Structure formats: C-alpha cells, structure tokens
Amino acid sequence: PNYADRIAEEFRSIAQLSETNLQLRRQGALQLERLAADRPLSEAALARLAAVAPADNDPLVWRSLLEAIARNRGPAPARLAYAALSHPDPETRRRACLYLENHARPEHSAVLAVSLEERDPRICLAAIRAYAACASAATLRAVRMS
C-alpha cells in the first residue's frame, strides 16, 4: 500500500479505539500493532493515538498499543508510555517502563521516579532499569555539552 493508504489504515484503527465495544477496541489496537511491525507508525497517527488512547483501561488494548509504539521515538509515544505508567494493570505499567528504558531520555526520569516505589517487584525492577538508562542518557548529554 502507498503512504496515503497506510495513514488511512492507521487512522481507521485508531478510530476503533473510541468504540464502546471492547472487541472493536482490541481489534483496532491489534491492527496498529500489526501495522507497526512493518514500519513505525506515522507522526500524525501517533499524535492522534496519544489523544485517544489514555482513556482506555483494557490491558489487552494497552499491550498492543505499547507494542505498536515500540519502534517510535518522540513526544507522542512518550506521552502514551507516561499514561501507561498509571494504568491499573501491573503488566501494562511494566511494559511502559520497558518502553522508556528502550527510548531513554533524561526527561523520563521524573515520571519514572513514581514507579520506583511500586510494590510489584517486576515493575520496580523495570522502573529501576529505565531510570538508570535515563540517568545514563543525562550523563551522556552533559558530557557532549561540555
């Protein structure tokens, strides 16, 4: 498919995330995950996704969304990961930490600090790793600037 068709497909999938029917939302999220397996999602789709997705509480929707943004960097996917850090599902919170570790930026440290106090040891460990990666990114940035 050409670029316009790809964008249209991304937006159709994102539109499904606003459905009241859980199965349709899960299908939309899964389709985004499949699309992102070929190549990262477009910036336009990421911006729309960051506006729509945080309202969803379904763990399966979030797992697909975090997989869908795994190869994307930037403010919109980071906002999605930030939102996932406060999700009721522990696995969703853990995966959000993994995203932030894989895309470590110094500014993620402040958001991750809350996750360092998680009671679930799996999440706490993932938060520690992500926090350390972000601290390393901050140190590297400081060395480059000096």
C-alpha atoms as a PDB file:
ATOM      1  CA  PRO A   1       0.000   0.000   0.000  1.00  0.00           C
ATOM      2  CA  ASN A   2       1.083   3.554  -0.646  1.00  0.00           C
ATOM      3  CA  TYR A   3       1.718   6.102   2.094  1.00  0.00           C
ATOM      4  CA  ALA A   4      -1.807   7.595   1.964  1.00  0.00           C
ATOM      5  CA  ASP A   5      -3.394   4.148   2.238  1.00  0.00           C
ATOM      6  CA  ARG A   6      -1.127   3.317   5.157  1.00  0.00           C
ATOM      7  CA  ILE A   7      -2.077   6.526   7.005  1.00  0.00           C
ATOM      8  CA  ALA A   8      -5.763   5.864   6.336  1.00  0.00           C
ATOM      9  CA  GLU A   9      -5.386   2.360   7.743  1.00  0.00           C
ATOM     10  CA  GLU A  10      -3.660   3.700  10.860  1.00  0.00           C
ATOM     11  CA  PHE A  11      -6.436   6.234  11.432  1.00  0.00           C
ATOM     12  CA  ARG A  12      -9.187   3.652  10.882  1.00  0.00           C
ATOM     13  CA  SER A  13      -7.568   1.506  13.553  1.00  0.00           C
ATOM     14  CA  ILE A  14      -7.247   4.459  15.923  1.00  0.00           C
ATOM     15  CA  ALA A  15     -10.913   5.326  15.347  1.00  0.00           C
ATOM     16  CA  GLN A  16     -11.833   1.876  16.638  1.00  0.00           C
ATOM     17  CA  LEU A  17     -10.234   2.795  19.978  1.00  0.00           C
ATOM     18  CA  SER A  18     -13.139   5.190  20.586  1.00  0.00           C
ATOM     19  CA  GLU A  19     -15.737   2.440  20.212  1.00  0.00           C
ATOM     20  CA  THR A  20     -17.714   1.325  23.252  1.00  0.00           C
ATOM     21  CA  ASN A  21     -17.416  -2.296  22.133  1.00  0.00           C
ATOM     22  CA  LEU A  22     -14.320  -3.792  23.755  1.00  0.00           C
ATOM     23  CA  GLN A  23     -13.741  -6.302  20.949  1.00  0.00           C
ATOM     24  CA  LEU A  24     -13.623  -3.499  18.373  1.00  0.00           C
ATOM     25  CA  ARG A  25     -11.141  -1.552  20.516  1.00  0.00           C
ATOM     26  CA  ARG A  26      -8.956  -4.634  20.882  1.00  0.00           C
ATOM     27  CA  GLN A  27      -9.124  -5.253  17.123  1.00  0.00           C
ATOM     28  CA  GLY A  28      -8.102  -1.652  16.421  1.00  0.00           C
ATOM     29  CA  ALA A  29      -5.157  -1.883  18.824  1.00  0.00           C
ATOM     30  CA  LEU A  30      -4.082  -5.232  17.404  1.00  0.00           C
ATOM     31  CA  GLN A  31      -4.254  -3.831  13.873  1.00  0.00           C
ATOM     32  CA  LEU A  32      -1.996  -0.938  14.939  1.00  0.00           C
ATOM     33  CA  GLU A  33       0.434  -3.468  16.376  1.00  0.00           C
ATOM     34  CA  ARG A  34       0.435  -5.371  13.059  1.00  0.00           C
ATOM     35  CA  LEU A  35       0.929  -2.197  11.031  1.00  0.00           C
ATOM     36  CA  ALA A  36       3.824  -1.121  13.246  1.00  0.00           C
ATOM     37  CA  ALA A  37       5.521  -4.485  12.763  1.00  0.00           C
ATOM     38  CA  ASP A  38       6.186  -3.455   9.136  1.00  0.00           C
ATOM     39  CA  ARG A  39       7.307   0.087   9.897  1.00  0.00           C
ATOM     40  CA  PRO A  40       6.867   2.630  12.702  1.00  0.00           C
ATOM     41  CA  LEU A  41       3.564   4.465  12.938  1.00  0.00           C
ATOM     42  CA  SER A  42       3.303   7.887  11.325  1.00  0.00           C
ATOM     43  CA  GLU A  43       3.728  11.042  13.413  1.00  0.00           C
ATOM     44  CA  ALA A  44       0.144  12.047  12.636  1.00  0.00           C
ATOM     45  CA  ALA A  45      -1.184   8.698  13.847  1.00  0.00           C
ATOM     46  CA  LEU A  46       0.958   8.884  16.987  1.00  0.00           C
ATOM     47  CA  ALA A  47      -0.383  12.334  17.832  1.00  0.00           C
ATOM     48  CA  ARG A  48      -3.970  11.127  17.428  1.00  0.00           C
ATOM     49  CA  LEU A  49      -3.240   7.944  19.362  1.00  0.00           C
ATOM     50  CA  ALA A  50      -1.796   9.951  22.273  1.00  0.00           C
ATOM     51  CA  ALA A  51      -5.040  11.945  22.383  1.00  0.00           C
ATOM     52  CA  VAL A  52      -7.396   8.943  22.249  1.00  0.00           C
ATOM     53  CA  ALA A  53      -5.720   6.005  23.973  1.00  0.00           C
ATOM     54  CA  PRO A  54      -5.192   7.191  27.568  1.00  0.00           C
ATOM     55  CA  ALA A  55      -8.926   6.907  28.271  1.00  0.00           C
ATOM     56  CA  ASP A  56      -8.874   3.136  27.682  1.00  0.00           C
ATOM     57  CA  ASN A  57      -8.482   0.861  30.717  1.00  0.00           C
ATOM     58  CA  ASP A  58      -8.292  -2.500  28.949  1.00  0.00           C
ATOM     59  CA  PRO A  59      -4.914  -4.206  29.483  1.00  0.00           C
ATOM     60  CA  LEU A  60      -5.005  -6.028  26.133  1.00  0.00           C
ATOM     61  CA  VAL A  61      -5.603  -2.786  24.270  1.00  0.00           C
ATOM     62  CA  TRP A  62      -2.648  -1.230  26.075  1.00  0.00           C
ATOM     63  CA  ARG A  63      -0.354  -4.189  25.451  1.00  0.00           C
ATOM     64  CA  SER A  64      -0.990  -3.912  21.717  1.00  0.00           C
ATOM     65  CA  LEU A  65      -0.549  -0.139  21.804  1.00  0.00           C
ATOM     66  CA  LEU A  66       2.766  -0.369  23.630  1.00  0.00           C
ATOM     67  CA  GLU A  67       3.925  -2.921  21.061  1.00  0.00           C
ATOM     68  CA  ALA A  68       2.717  -0.626  18.278  1.00  0.00           C
ATOM     69  CA  ILE A  69       4.790   2.324  19.534  1.00  0.00           C
ATOM     70  CA  ALA A  70       7.859   0.258  20.456  1.00  0.00           C
ATOM     71  CA  ARG A  71       9.868   1.497  17.452  1.00  0.00           C
ATOM     72  CA  ASN A  72       8.703   5.114  17.664  1.00  0.00           C
ATOM     73  CA  ARG A  73      10.502   7.915  19.480  1.00  0.00           C
ATOM     74  CA  GLY A  74       9.243  11.364  20.282  1.00  0.00           C
ATOM     75  CA  PRO A  75       6.784  13.213  22.468  1.00  0.00           C
ATOM     76  CA  ALA A  76       3.577  11.422  21.439  1.00  0.00           C
ATOM     77  CA  PRO A  77       4.748   7.860  22.153  1.00  0.00           C
ATOM     78  CA  ALA A  78       6.406   9.078  25.360  1.00  0.00           C
ATOM     79  CA  ARG A  79       3.052  10.566  26.473  1.00  0.00           C
ATOM     80  CA  LEU A  80       1.446   7.189  25.829  1.00  0.00           C
ATOM     81  CA  ALA A  81       4.083   5.445  27.918  1.00  0.00           C
ATOM     82  CA  TYR A  82       3.615   8.029  30.677  1.00  0.00           C
ATOM     83  CA  ALA A  83      -0.127   7.336  30.668  1.00  0.00           C
ATOM     84  CA  ALA A  84       0.541   3.583  30.803  1.00  0.00           C
ATOM     85  CA  LEU A  85       2.661   4.040  33.950  1.00  0.00           C
ATOM     86  CA  SER A  86      -0.518   4.763  35.906  1.00  0.00           C
ATOM     87  CA  HIS A  87      -2.636   2.014  34.337  1.00  0.00           C
ATOM     88  CA  PRO A  88      -4.340  -0.340  36.842  1.00  0.00           C
ATOM     89  CA  ASP A  89      -2.779  -3.412  35.166  1.00  0.00           C
ATOM     90  CA  PRO A  90       0.727  -4.193  36.507  1.00  0.00           C
ATOM     91  CA  GLU A  91       1.926  -5.712  33.225  1.00  0.00           C
ATOM     92  CA  THR A  92       0.936  -2.549  31.363  1.00  0.00           C
ATOM     93  CA  ARG A  93       2.950  -0.462  33.841  1.00  0.00           C
ATOM     94  CA  ARG A  94       5.935  -2.799  33.458  1.00  0.00           C
ATOM     95  CA  ARG A  95       5.804  -2.560  29.675  1.00  0.00           C
ATOM     96  CA  ALA A  96       5.636   1.228  29.910  1.00  0.00           C
ATOM     97  CA  CYS A  97       8.882   1.125  31.892  1.00  0.00           C
ATOM     98  CA  LEU A  98      10.434  -1.053  29.190  1.00  0.00           C
ATOM     99  CA  TYR A  99       9.425   1.446  26.515  1.00  0.00           C
ATOM    100  CA  LEU A 100      11.018   4.284  28.494  1.00  0.00           C
ATOM    101  CA  GLU A 101      14.168   2.242  29.044  1.00  0.00           C
ATOM    102  CA  ASN A 102      14.447   1.475  25.333  1.00  0.00           C
ATOM    103  CA  HIS A 103      13.942   5.150  24.467  1.00  0.00           C
ATOM    104  CA  ALA A 104      15.850   6.595  27.390  1.00  0.00           C
ATOM    105  CA  ARG A 105      15.811  10.364  27.692  1.00  0.00           C
ATOM    106  CA  PRO A 106      16.749  12.422  30.729  1.00  0.00           C
ATOM    107  CA  GLU A 107      13.253  13.928  30.956  1.00  0.00           C
ATOM    108  CA  HIS A 108      11.717  10.479  31.556  1.00  0.00           C
ATOM    109  CA  SER A 109      13.442  10.253  34.958  1.00  0.00           C
ATOM    110  CA  ALA A 110      10.943  12.497  36.734  1.00  0.00           C
ATOM    111  CA  VAL A 111       7.996  10.415  35.534  1.00  0.00           C
ATOM    112  CA  LEU A 112       9.721   7.146  36.352  1.00  0.00           C
ATOM    113  CA  ALA A 113      10.523   8.248  39.906  1.00  0.00           C
ATOM    114  CA  VAL A 114       6.972   7.376  40.981  1.00  0.00           C
ATOM    115  CA  SER A 115       7.332   3.862  39.588  1.00  0.00           C
ATOM    116  CA  LEU A 116      10.425   3.276  41.719  1.00  0.00           C
ATOM    117  CA  GLU A 117       8.035   2.943  44.670  1.00  0.00           C
ATOM    118  CA  GLU A 118       5.914   0.224  43.077  1.00  0.00           C
ATOM    119  CA  ARG A 119       5.067  -2.708  45.336  1.00  0.00           C
ATOM    120  CA  ASP A 120       5.232  -5.209  42.493  1.00  0.00           C
ATOM    121  CA  PRO A 121       8.918  -6.226  42.256  1.00  0.00           C
ATOM    122  CA  ARG A 122       8.714  -6.787  38.480  1.00  0.00           C
ATOM    123  CA  ILE A 123       7.549  -3.228  37.920  1.00  0.00           C
ATOM    124  CA  CYS A 124      10.017  -1.823  40.424  1.00  0.00           C
ATOM    125  CA  LEU A 125      12.895  -3.611  38.693  1.00  0.00           C
ATOM    126  CA  ALA A 126      11.756  -2.397  35.271  1.00  0.00           C
ATOM    127  CA  ALA A 127      11.468   1.146  36.654  1.00  0.00           C
ATOM    128  CA  ILE A 128      14.964   0.964  38.152  1.00  0.00           C
ATOM    129  CA  ARG A 129      16.404  -0.187  34.821  1.00  0.00           C
ATOM    130  CA  ALA A 130      14.546   2.540  32.927  1.00  0.00           C
ATOM    131  CA  TYR A 131      15.567   5.174  35.466  1.00  0.00           C
ATOM    132  CA  ALA A 132      19.218   4.093  35.219  1.00  0.00           C
ATOM    133  CA  ALA A 133      19.072   4.216  31.421  1.00  0.00           C
ATOM    134  CA  CYS A 134      17.624   7.726  31.579  1.00  0.00           C
ATOM    135  CA  ALA A 135      20.307   8.803  34.069  1.00  0.00           C
ATOM    136  CA  SER A 136      22.943   7.429  31.691  1.00  0.00           C
ATOM    137  CA  ALA A 137      21.357   9.404  28.857  1.00  0.00           C
ATOM    138  CA  ALA A 138      21.508  12.547  31.015  1.00  0.00           C
ATOM    139  CA  THR A 139      25.167  11.931  31.831  1.00  0.00           C
ATOM    140  CA  LEU A 140      25.990  11.314  28.192  1.00  0.00           C
ATOM    141  CA  ARG A 141      24.195  14.522  27.206  1.00  0.00           C
ATOM    142  CA  ALA A 142      26.129  16.502  29.844  1.00  0.00           C
ATOM    143  CA  VAL A 143      29.457  15.096  28.602  1.00  0.00           C
ATOM    144  CA  ARG A 144      28.597  16.018  24.997  1.00  0.00           C
ATOM    145  CA  MET A 145      27.697  19.584  26.017  1.00  0.00           C
ATOM    146  CA  SER A 146      30.952  20.165  27.896  1.00  0.00           C
END
